[in-house]
Amino acid sequence: MFKIEKLYMQYKKDIYIYLMSLTHNPLLSEDLLSETFLGAIKSLPAFKGNSDIKTWLFSIARYKWFEYLRKEKKDVSFDDLAMLYITEGVDDKIVEKKAVSRIIELLDCEEKRSKDIVLMRINGYSYYDIALKYQISEGSARVIDFRTKRRIKEILIKEEWNNE
């Protein structure tokens, strides 16, 4: 057990920082950090040493993050984007239409493939289907979708559409 404690003390900070960069959530990062080292304990006997131990731990952390995403279906949907920028009150419908129009304008400014991937997700296509169509990995489809939505969200925030 001493070996895993040593690994934990040596790499916990680096892995936590890595997980924070993925989750942007301290509590979730702590949970995933624990799951990462639990996974390491379970698979330590199978570790062959073909890679650096730190690389191996980071790959377990990344796997735990993807596992969490699959379970929680952590997706930013088009409706979620629109709902972030809607106020309450008499002018709700006007503001909502303006927000949706602005999101569509911003989406039109994106690269064609990025725009198509976001629209396919809005229409219910899986990352698997998108990956097949564009001959990319599911992970790449997921990243393109996420980054495109994040760019749109950042622009809307800069434009002060966020009325919270």
N, C-alpha and C. Protein backbone atom coordinates (compact mmCIF):
# COMPACT_ATOMS: atom_id res chain seq x y z
N MET A 1 0.82 -1.19 0.00
CA MET A 1 0.00 0.00 0.00
C MET A 1 0.86 1.26 0.00
N PHE A 2 2.06 1.16 0.47
CA PHE A 2 2.97 2.30 0.52
C PHE A 2 3.18 2.88 -0.88
N LYS A 3 3.25 2.02 -1.88
CA LYS A 3 3.52 2.45 -3.25
C LYS A 3 2.42 3.40 -3.76
N ILE A 4 1.18 3.04 -3.53
CA ILE A 4 0.08 3.88 -4.03
C ILE A 4 0.00 5.19 -3.25
N GLU A 5 0.31 5.16 -1.97
CA GLU A 5 0.34 6.40 -1.18
C GLU A 5 1.40 7.35 -1.72
N LYS A 6 2.54 6.79 -2.07
CA LYS A 6 3.63 7.60 -2.62
C LYS A 6 3.21 8.21 -3.96
N LEU A 7 2.57 7.39 -4.80
CA LEU A 7 2.08 7.89 -6.08
C LEU A 7 1.05 9.00 -5.87
N TYR A 8 0.16 8.78 -4.92
CA TYR A 8 -0.87 9.78 -4.63
C TYR A 8 -0.25 11.10 -4.20
N MET A 9 0.67 11.04 -3.27
CA MET A 9 1.31 12.26 -2.77
C MET A 9 2.10 12.97 -3.88
N GLN A 10 2.70 12.18 -4.75
CA GLN A 10 3.55 12.75 -5.79
C GLN A 10 2.75 13.38 -6.93
N TYR A 11 1.60 12.79 -7.29
CA TYR A 11 0.90 13.21 -8.50
C TYR A 11 -0.48 13.81 -8.27
N LYS A 12 -0.98 13.83 -7.05
CA LYS A 12 -2.36 14.29 -6.82
C LYS A 12 -2.58 15.73 -7.30
N LYS A 13 -1.62 16.61 -7.05
CA LYS A 13 -1.78 18.01 -7.43
C LYS A 13 -1.85 18.16 -8.96
N ASP A 14 -0.94 17.49 -9.66
CA ASP A 14 -0.93 17.58 -11.13
C ASP A 14 -2.22 17.03 -11.73
N ILE A 15 -2.67 15.91 -11.21
CA ILE A 15 -3.88 15.30 -11.75
C ILE A 15 -5.10 16.15 -11.40
N TYR A 16 -5.12 16.72 -10.21
CA TYR A 16 -6.23 17.60 -9.82
C TYR A 16 -6.29 18.82 -10.75
N ILE A 17 -5.15 19.41 -11.03
CA ILE A 17 -5.10 20.58 -11.94
C ILE A 17 -5.59 20.18 -13.33
N TYR A 18 -5.18 19.01 -13.79
CA TYR A 18 -5.63 18.51 -15.09
C TYR A 18 -7.15 18.33 -15.09
N LEU A 19 -7.67 17.70 -14.04
CA LEU A 19 -9.11 17.48 -13.96
C LEU A 19 -9.88 18.80 -13.86
N MET A 20 -9.32 19.77 -13.14
CA MET A 20 -9.95 21.10 -13.06
C MET A 20 -10.02 21.75 -14.44
N SER A 21 -8.99 21.53 -15.25
CA SER A 21 -9.00 22.12 -16.60
C SER A 21 -10.09 21.50 -17.46
N LEU A 22 -10.47 20.27 -17.14
CA LEU A 22 -11.54 19.60 -17.88
C LEU A 22 -12.92 19.94 -17.33
N THR A 23 -13.05 19.93 -16.00
CA THR A 23 -14.37 20.05 -15.38
C THR A 23 -14.75 21.47 -14.99
N HIS A 24 -13.78 22.28 -14.64
CA HIS A 24 -14.02 23.63 -14.09
C HIS A 24 -14.91 23.56 -12.85
N ASN A 25 -14.78 22.46 -12.12
CA ASN A 25 -15.61 22.23 -10.94
C ASN A 25 -14.75 21.55 -9.87
N PRO A 26 -14.44 22.27 -8.78
CA PRO A 26 -13.55 21.70 -7.76
C PRO A 26 -14.07 20.41 -7.12
N LEU A 27 -15.37 20.36 -6.83
CA LEU A 27 -15.91 19.15 -6.19
C LEU A 27 -15.86 17.95 -7.13
N LEU A 28 -16.24 18.17 -8.37
CA LEU A 28 -16.19 17.09 -9.35
C LEU A 28 -14.75 16.64 -9.58
N SER A 29 -13.83 17.60 -9.62
CA SER A 29 -12.41 17.26 -9.80
C SER A 29 -11.90 16.40 -8.65
N GLU A 30 -12.32 16.74 -7.43
CA GLU A 30 -11.94 15.93 -6.25
C GLU A 30 -12.48 14.51 -6.38
N ASP A 31 -13.75 14.40 -6.78
CA ASP A 31 -14.36 13.07 -6.95
C ASP A 31 -13.62 12.26 -8.01
N LEU A 32 -13.34 12.91 -9.14
CA LEU A 32 -12.65 12.21 -10.22
C LEU A 32 -11.22 11.86 -9.83
N LEU A 33 -10.59 12.70 -9.02
CA LEU A 33 -9.25 12.40 -8.51
C LEU A 33 -9.28 11.12 -7.68
N SER A 34 -10.27 11.03 -6.80
CA SER A 34 -10.43 9.82 -5.98
C SER A 34 -10.67 8.59 -6.86
N GLU A 35 -11.55 8.74 -7.84
CA GLU A 35 -11.84 7.63 -8.74
C GLU A 35 -10.60 7.24 -9.56
N THR A 36 -9.80 8.23 -9.92
CA THR A 36 -8.57 7.96 -10.67
C THR A 36 -7.64 7.07 -9.86
N PHE A 37 -7.43 7.42 -8.61
CA PHE A 37 -6.51 6.62 -7.79
C PHE A 37 -7.12 5.29 -7.38
N LEU A 38 -8.44 5.23 -7.27
CA LEU A 38 -9.09 3.95 -7.02
C LEU A 38 -8.88 3.04 -8.24
N GLY A 39 -9.04 3.62 -9.43
CA GLY A 39 -8.77 2.87 -10.66
C GLY A 39 -7.32 2.43 -10.76
N ALA A 40 -6.42 3.29 -10.31
CA ALA A 40 -4.99 2.95 -10.33
C ALA A 40 -4.70 1.79 -9.38
N ILE A 41 -5.33 1.81 -8.20
CA ILE A 41 -5.14 0.71 -7.24
C ILE A 41 -5.60 -0.61 -7.86
N LYS A 42 -6.76 -0.57 -8.52
CA LYS A 42 -7.31 -1.79 -9.11
C LYS A 42 -6.46 -2.31 -10.26
N SER A 43 -5.86 -1.40 -11.03
CA SER A 43 -5.13 -1.85 -12.21
C SER A 43 -3.61 -1.77 -12.08
N LEU A 44 -3.12 -1.43 -10.90
CA LEU A 44 -1.67 -1.36 -10.70
C LEU A 44 -0.96 -2.67 -11.02
N PRO A 45 -1.51 -3.83 -10.64
CA PRO A 45 -0.83 -5.08 -10.99
C PRO A 45 -0.71 -5.30 -12.50
N ALA A 46 -1.63 -4.71 -13.27
CA ALA A 46 -1.60 -4.88 -14.72
C ALA A 46 -0.70 -3.85 -15.41
N PHE A 47 -0.23 -2.85 -14.68
CA PHE A 47 0.63 -1.82 -15.27
C PHE A 47 1.95 -2.45 -15.68
N LYS A 48 2.26 -2.36 -16.98
CA LYS A 48 3.44 -3.02 -17.52
C LYS A 48 4.66 -2.11 -17.59
N GLY A 49 4.47 -0.84 -17.37
CA GLY A 49 5.60 0.07 -17.42
C GLY A 49 5.98 0.51 -18.82
N ASN A 50 5.09 0.30 -19.80
CA ASN A 50 5.38 0.72 -21.17
C ASN A 50 5.37 2.24 -21.31
N SER A 51 4.73 2.91 -20.36
CA SER A 51 4.72 4.37 -20.35
C SER A 51 5.11 4.85 -18.96
N ASP A 52 5.33 6.13 -18.84
CA ASP A 52 5.63 6.74 -17.56
C ASP A 52 4.42 6.58 -16.64
N ILE A 53 4.64 6.41 -15.37
CA ILE A 53 3.54 6.23 -14.41
C ILE A 53 2.62 7.45 -14.40
N LYS A 54 3.20 8.63 -14.56
CA LYS A 54 2.40 9.86 -14.59
C LYS A 54 1.47 9.86 -15.81
N THR A 55 1.99 9.45 -16.95
CA THR A 55 1.18 9.36 -18.17
C THR A 55 0.04 8.38 -17.97
N TRP A 56 0.34 7.27 -17.34
CA TRP A 56 -0.66 6.24 -17.06
C TRP A 56 -1.75 6.80 -16.15
N LEU A 57 -1.37 7.52 -15.11
CA LEU A 57 -2.35 8.12 -14.19
C LEU A 57 -3.21 9.16 -14.90
N PHE A 58 -2.59 9.96 -15.77
CA PHE A 58 -3.36 10.96 -16.53
C PHE A 58 -4.35 10.28 -17.46
N SER A 59 -3.96 9.16 -18.04
CA SER A 59 -4.89 8.45 -18.93
C SER A 59 -6.06 7.88 -18.14
N ILE A 60 -5.81 7.42 -16.93
CA ILE A 60 -6.91 6.95 -16.07
C ILE A 60 -7.83 8.12 -15.74
N ALA A 61 -7.25 9.28 -15.41
CA ALA A 61 -8.04 10.47 -15.09
C ALA A 61 -8.90 10.87 -16.29
N ARG A 62 -8.31 10.86 -17.48
CA ARG A 62 -9.05 11.20 -18.69
C ARG A 62 -10.19 10.21 -18.91
N TYR A 63 -9.92 8.94 -18.70
CA TYR A 63 -10.94 7.92 -18.85
C TYR A 63 -12.08 8.16 -17.86
N LYS A 64 -11.74 8.48 -16.62
CA LYS A 64 -12.77 8.74 -15.60
C LYS A 64 -13.62 9.96 -15.99
N TRP A 65 -12.99 10.97 -16.58
CA TRP A 65 -13.73 12.15 -17.04
C TRP A 65 -14.70 11.76 -18.16
N PHE A 66 -14.23 10.98 -19.15
CA PHE A 66 -15.11 10.55 -20.23
C PHE A 66 -16.24 9.67 -19.70
N GLU A 67 -15.91 8.82 -18.76
CA GLU A 67 -16.91 7.97 -18.14
C GLU A 67 -17.99 8.83 -17.46
N TYR A 68 -17.56 9.85 -16.76
CA TYR A 68 -18.51 10.78 -16.12
C TYR A 68 -19.38 11.45 -17.18
N LEU A 69 -18.79 11.92 -18.26
CA LEU A 69 -19.55 12.59 -19.32
C LEU A 69 -20.59 11.65 -19.92
N ARG A 70 -20.20 10.40 -20.14
CA ARG A 70 -21.16 9.44 -20.69
C ARG A 70 -22.32 9.23 -19.74
N LYS A 71 -22.02 9.12 -18.46
CA LYS A 71 -23.08 8.89 -17.47
C LYS A 71 -23.98 10.10 -17.31
N GLU A 72 -23.40 11.27 -17.27
CA GLU A 72 -24.15 12.49 -16.99
C GLU A 72 -24.68 13.17 -18.25
N LYS A 73 -24.23 12.69 -19.42
CA LYS A 73 -24.62 13.30 -20.69
C LYS A 73 -24.41 14.80 -20.64
N LYS A 74 -23.21 15.18 -20.29
CA LYS A 74 -22.84 16.58 -20.10
C LYS A 74 -22.72 17.25 -21.47
N ASP A 75 -23.83 17.77 -21.96
CA ASP A 75 -23.85 18.44 -23.25
C ASP A 75 -24.44 19.82 -23.12
N VAL A 76 -23.90 20.75 -23.86
CA VAL A 76 -24.50 22.07 -23.95
C VAL A 76 -25.40 22.02 -25.17
N SER A 77 -26.70 22.04 -24.96
CA SER A 77 -27.61 21.98 -26.08
C SER A 77 -27.90 23.38 -26.60
N PHE A 78 -28.47 23.45 -27.77
CA PHE A 78 -28.85 24.72 -28.37
C PHE A 78 -29.86 25.43 -27.47
N ASP A 79 -30.81 24.67 -26.95
CA ASP A 79 -31.81 25.26 -26.05
C ASP A 79 -31.16 25.79 -24.78
N ASP A 80 -30.18 25.05 -24.25
CA ASP A 80 -29.47 25.52 -23.06
C ASP A 80 -28.77 26.84 -23.33
N LEU A 81 -28.16 26.95 -24.52
CA LEU A 81 -27.50 28.21 -24.88
C LEU A 81 -28.51 29.34 -24.91
N ALA A 82 -29.64 29.10 -25.55
CA ALA A 82 -30.66 30.13 -25.66
C ALA A 82 -31.21 30.50 -24.28
N MET A 83 -31.42 29.51 -23.43
CA MET A 83 -32.01 29.77 -22.10
C MET A 83 -31.08 30.59 -21.21
N LEU A 84 -29.79 30.53 -21.45
CA LEU A 84 -28.86 31.32 -20.65
C LEU A 84 -29.04 32.82 -20.86
N TYR A 85 -29.63 33.17 -21.98
CA TYR A 85 -29.67 34.58 -22.37
C TYR A 85 -31.09 35.11 -22.48
N ILE A 86 -31.99 34.56 -21.70
CA ILE A 86 -33.38 35.00 -21.72
C ILE A 86 -33.72 35.62 -20.37
N THR A 87 -34.37 36.77 -20.41
CA THR A 87 -34.76 37.44 -19.17
C THR A 87 -36.21 37.10 -18.85
N GLU A 88 -36.61 37.40 -17.64
CA GLU A 88 -38.00 37.22 -17.24
C GLU A 88 -38.68 38.57 -17.28
N GLY A 89 -39.96 38.57 -17.66
CA GLY A 89 -40.71 39.81 -17.70
C GLY A 89 -41.59 39.87 -18.94
N VAL A 90 -42.11 41.06 -19.18
CA VAL A 90 -43.05 41.27 -20.27
C VAL A 90 -42.41 41.04 -21.64
N ASP A 91 -41.16 41.40 -21.75
CA ASP A 91 -40.49 41.33 -23.05
C ASP A 91 -39.80 39.99 -23.31
N ASP A 92 -40.20 38.96 -22.57
CA ASP A 92 -39.54 37.65 -22.71
C ASP A 92 -39.46 37.17 -24.15
N LYS A 93 -40.57 37.19 -24.84
CA LYS A 93 -40.61 36.64 -26.20
C LYS A 93 -39.72 37.42 -27.16
N ILE A 94 -39.67 38.73 -27.00
CA ILE A 94 -38.82 39.56 -27.86
C ILE A 94 -37.35 39.25 -27.59
N VAL A 95 -36.99 39.22 -26.32
CA VAL A 95 -35.60 38.94 -25.94
C VAL A 95 -35.21 37.54 -26.39
N GLU A 96 -36.12 36.58 -26.19
CA GLU A 96 -35.85 35.20 -26.59
C GLU A 96 -35.59 35.11 -28.09
N LYS A 97 -36.44 35.76 -28.88
CA LYS A 97 -36.26 35.72 -30.34
C LYS A 97 -34.94 36.38 -30.75
N LYS A 98 -34.59 37.48 -30.09
CA LYS A 98 -33.32 38.15 -30.40
C LYS A 98 -32.14 37.26 -30.03
N ALA A 99 -32.23 36.60 -28.89
CA ALA A 99 -31.14 35.72 -28.45
C ALA A 99 -30.96 34.55 -29.42
N VAL A 100 -32.07 33.93 -29.80
CA VAL A 100 -32.00 32.81 -30.73
C VAL A 100 -31.48 33.28 -32.08
N SER A 101 -31.93 34.45 -32.53
CA SER A 101 -31.43 35.00 -33.80
C SER A 101 -29.93 35.25 -33.74
N ARG A 102 -29.48 35.79 -32.63
CA ARG A 102 -28.04 36.07 -32.47
C ARG A 102 -27.23 34.78 -32.46
N ILE A 103 -27.75 33.76 -31.79
CA ILE A 103 -27.06 32.46 -31.75
C ILE A 103 -26.96 31.89 -33.16
N ILE A 104 -28.04 32.00 -33.93
CA ILE A 104 -28.02 31.50 -35.31
C ILE A 104 -27.02 32.30 -36.15
N GLU A 105 -26.98 33.63 -35.97
CA GLU A 105 -25.99 34.45 -36.69
C GLU A 105 -24.57 34.00 -36.37
N LEU A 106 -24.30 33.79 -35.08
CA LEU A 106 -22.96 33.37 -34.67
C LEU A 106 -22.63 31.99 -35.21
N LEU A 107 -23.61 31.11 -35.22
CA LEU A 107 -23.40 29.77 -35.76
C LEU A 107 -23.09 29.83 -37.25
N ASP A 108 -23.75 30.75 -37.96
CA ASP A 108 -23.49 30.92 -39.40
C ASP A 108 -22.07 31.40 -39.67
N CYS A 109 -21.45 32.07 -38.70
CA CYS A 109 -20.07 32.56 -38.87
C CYS A 109 -19.03 31.46 -38.65
N GLU A 110 -19.46 30.34 -38.10
CA GLU A 110 -18.53 29.25 -37.82
C GLU A 110 -18.17 28.52 -39.11
N GLU A 111 -17.07 27.79 -39.04
CA GLU A 111 -16.64 26.93 -40.14
C GLU A 111 -17.78 25.96 -40.46
N LYS A 112 -17.95 25.63 -41.75
CA LYS A 112 -19.08 24.80 -42.19
C LYS A 112 -19.18 23.49 -41.40
N ARG A 113 -18.06 22.80 -41.25
CA ARG A 113 -18.09 21.51 -40.55
C ARG A 113 -18.53 21.70 -39.10
N SER A 114 -18.02 22.73 -38.43
CA SER A 114 -18.40 22.99 -37.04
C SER A 114 -19.89 23.29 -36.94
N LYS A 115 -20.37 24.14 -37.84
CA LYS A 115 -21.79 24.49 -37.86
C LYS A 115 -22.64 23.23 -38.08
N ASP A 116 -22.26 22.42 -39.07
CA ASP A 116 -23.01 21.21 -39.37
C ASP A 116 -23.04 20.24 -38.19
N ILE A 117 -21.92 20.12 -37.50
CA ILE A 117 -21.86 19.20 -36.36
C ILE A 117 -22.80 19.68 -35.25
N VAL A 118 -22.80 20.98 -34.96
CA VAL A 118 -23.70 21.51 -33.93
C VAL A 118 -25.15 21.30 -34.35
N LEU A 119 -25.46 21.58 -35.61
CA LEU A 119 -26.84 21.39 -36.08
C LEU A 119 -27.26 19.92 -36.05
N MET A 120 -26.32 19.03 -36.38
CA MET A 120 -26.64 17.60 -36.30
C MET A 120 -26.94 17.20 -34.86
N ARG A 121 -26.17 17.73 -33.89
CA ARG A 121 -26.43 17.42 -32.48
C ARG A 121 -27.79 17.97 -32.06
N ILE A 122 -28.13 19.18 -32.52
CA ILE A 122 -29.43 19.77 -32.20
C ILE A 122 -30.55 18.88 -32.73
N ASN A 123 -30.31 18.28 -33.89
CA ASN A 123 -31.31 17.41 -34.50
C ASN A 123 -31.27 15.98 -34.00
N GLY A 124 -30.48 15.73 -32.96
CA GLY A 124 -30.52 14.43 -32.30
C GLY A 124 -29.53 13.39 -32.79
N TYR A 125 -28.63 13.75 -33.68
CA TYR A 125 -27.64 12.79 -34.14
C TYR A 125 -26.63 12.50 -33.03
N SER A 126 -26.19 11.27 -32.97
CA SER A 126 -25.18 10.89 -31.97
C SER A 126 -23.80 11.29 -32.48
N TYR A 127 -22.85 11.34 -31.56
CA TYR A 127 -21.47 11.63 -31.96
C TYR A 127 -20.94 10.53 -32.89
N TYR A 128 -21.43 9.32 -32.70
CA TYR A 128 -21.03 8.21 -33.55
C TYR A 128 -21.45 8.48 -35.00
N ASP A 129 -22.72 8.89 -35.19
CA ASP A 129 -23.23 9.19 -36.53
C ASP A 129 -22.46 10.34 -37.18
N ILE A 130 -22.18 11.37 -36.38
CA ILE A 130 -21.44 12.53 -36.88
C ILE A 130 -20.03 12.10 -37.29
N ALA A 131 -19.40 11.28 -36.45
CA ALA A 131 -18.04 10.81 -36.74
C ALA A 131 -18.00 10.02 -38.05
N LEU A 132 -19.00 9.19 -38.27
CA LEU A 132 -19.06 8.43 -39.52
C LEU A 132 -19.20 9.36 -40.72
N LYS A 133 -20.07 10.34 -40.62
CA LYS A 133 -20.31 11.26 -41.74
C LYS A 133 -19.05 12.04 -42.10
N TYR A 134 -18.33 12.53 -41.09
CA TYR A 134 -17.17 13.38 -41.35
C TYR A 134 -15.84 12.63 -41.30
N GLN A 135 -15.91 11.32 -41.11
CA GLN A 135 -14.72 10.47 -41.05
C GLN A 135 -13.71 11.00 -40.03
N ILE A 136 -14.24 11.25 -38.82
CA ILE A 136 -13.42 11.68 -37.69
C ILE A 136 -13.77 10.79 -36.51
N SER A 137 -13.03 10.89 -35.44
CA SER A 137 -13.34 10.09 -34.26
C SER A 137 -14.53 10.71 -33.52
N GLU A 138 -15.19 9.90 -32.70
CA GLU A 138 -16.28 10.41 -31.87
C GLU A 138 -15.77 11.52 -30.96
N GLY A 139 -14.58 11.33 -30.42
CA GLY A 139 -13.98 12.34 -29.55
C GLY A 139 -13.80 13.66 -30.27
N SER A 140 -13.37 13.61 -31.52
CA SER A 140 -13.20 14.84 -32.30
C SER A 140 -14.55 15.52 -32.54
N ALA A 141 -15.56 14.73 -32.84
CA ALA A 141 -16.90 15.30 -33.03
C ALA A 141 -17.38 15.99 -31.76
N ARG A 142 -17.14 15.34 -30.63
CA ARG A 142 -17.54 15.89 -29.33
C ARG A 142 -16.80 17.20 -29.05
N VAL A 143 -15.50 17.22 -29.33
CA VAL A 143 -14.68 18.41 -29.08
C VAL A 143 -15.11 19.56 -29.98
N ILE A 144 -15.34 19.28 -31.26
CA ILE A 144 -15.77 20.34 -32.19
C ILE A 144 -17.10 20.92 -31.73
N ASP A 145 -18.04 20.06 -31.36
CA ASP A 145 -19.35 20.51 -30.87
C ASP A 145 -19.19 21.38 -29.63
N PHE A 146 -18.43 20.89 -28.67
CA PHE A 146 -18.25 21.62 -27.41
C PHE A 146 -17.57 22.97 -27.64
N ARG A 147 -16.49 22.97 -28.41
CA ARG A 147 -15.74 24.22 -28.62
C ARG A 147 -16.54 25.25 -29.39
N THR A 148 -17.32 24.79 -30.36
CA THR A 148 -18.15 25.72 -31.13
C THR A 148 -19.18 26.37 -30.21
N LYS A 149 -19.85 25.57 -29.40
CA LYS A 149 -20.84 26.12 -28.47
C LYS A 149 -20.19 27.03 -27.43
N ARG A 150 -19.00 26.65 -27.00
CA ARG A 150 -18.29 27.48 -26.02
C ARG A 150 -17.93 28.84 -26.63
N ARG A 151 -17.47 28.85 -27.90
CA ARG A 151 -17.14 30.11 -28.57
C ARG A 151 -18.37 31.01 -28.66
N ILE A 152 -19.49 30.42 -29.04
CA ILE A 152 -20.73 31.19 -29.15
C ILE A 152 -21.12 31.75 -27.79
N LYS A 153 -21.04 30.92 -26.77
CA LYS A 153 -21.38 31.36 -25.42
C LYS A 153 -20.48 32.51 -24.97
N GLU A 154 -19.18 32.40 -25.24
CA GLU A 154 -18.23 33.45 -24.84
C GLU A 154 -18.55 34.77 -25.54
N ILE A 155 -18.91 34.71 -26.82
CA ILE A 155 -19.26 35.93 -27.55
C ILE A 155 -20.52 36.54 -26.95
N LEU A 156 -21.51 35.70 -26.67
CA LEU A 156 -22.76 36.22 -26.09
C LEU A 156 -22.51 36.86 -24.72
N ILE A 157 -21.64 36.26 -23.95
CA ILE A 157 -21.32 36.84 -22.64
C ILE A 157 -20.62 38.19 -22.82
N LYS A 158 -19.69 38.26 -23.76
CA LYS A 158 -19.00 39.53 -24.03
C LYS A 158 -19.98 40.60 -24.50
N GLU A 159 -20.98 40.18 -25.24
CA GLU A 159 -22.00 41.12 -25.74
C GLU A 159 -23.05 41.43 -24.67
N GLU A 160 -22.85 40.85 -23.50
CA GLU A 160 -23.73 41.06 -22.35
C GLU A 160 -25.15 40.56 -22.58
N TRP A 161 -25.27 39.43 -23.28
CA TRP A 161 -26.57 38.79 -23.43
C TRP A 161 -26.96 38.07 -22.15
N ASN A 162 -25.99 37.77 -21.33
CA ASN A 162 -26.27 37.06 -20.09
C ASN A 162 -26.92 38.02 -19.12
N ASN A 163 -28.20 37.83 -18.89
CA ASN A 163 -28.97 38.77 -18.09
C ASN A 163 -29.13 38.34 -16.65
N GLU A 164 -28.24 37.51 -16.16
CA GLU A 164 -28.35 37.04 -14.78
C GLU A 164 -27.95 38.12 -13.82
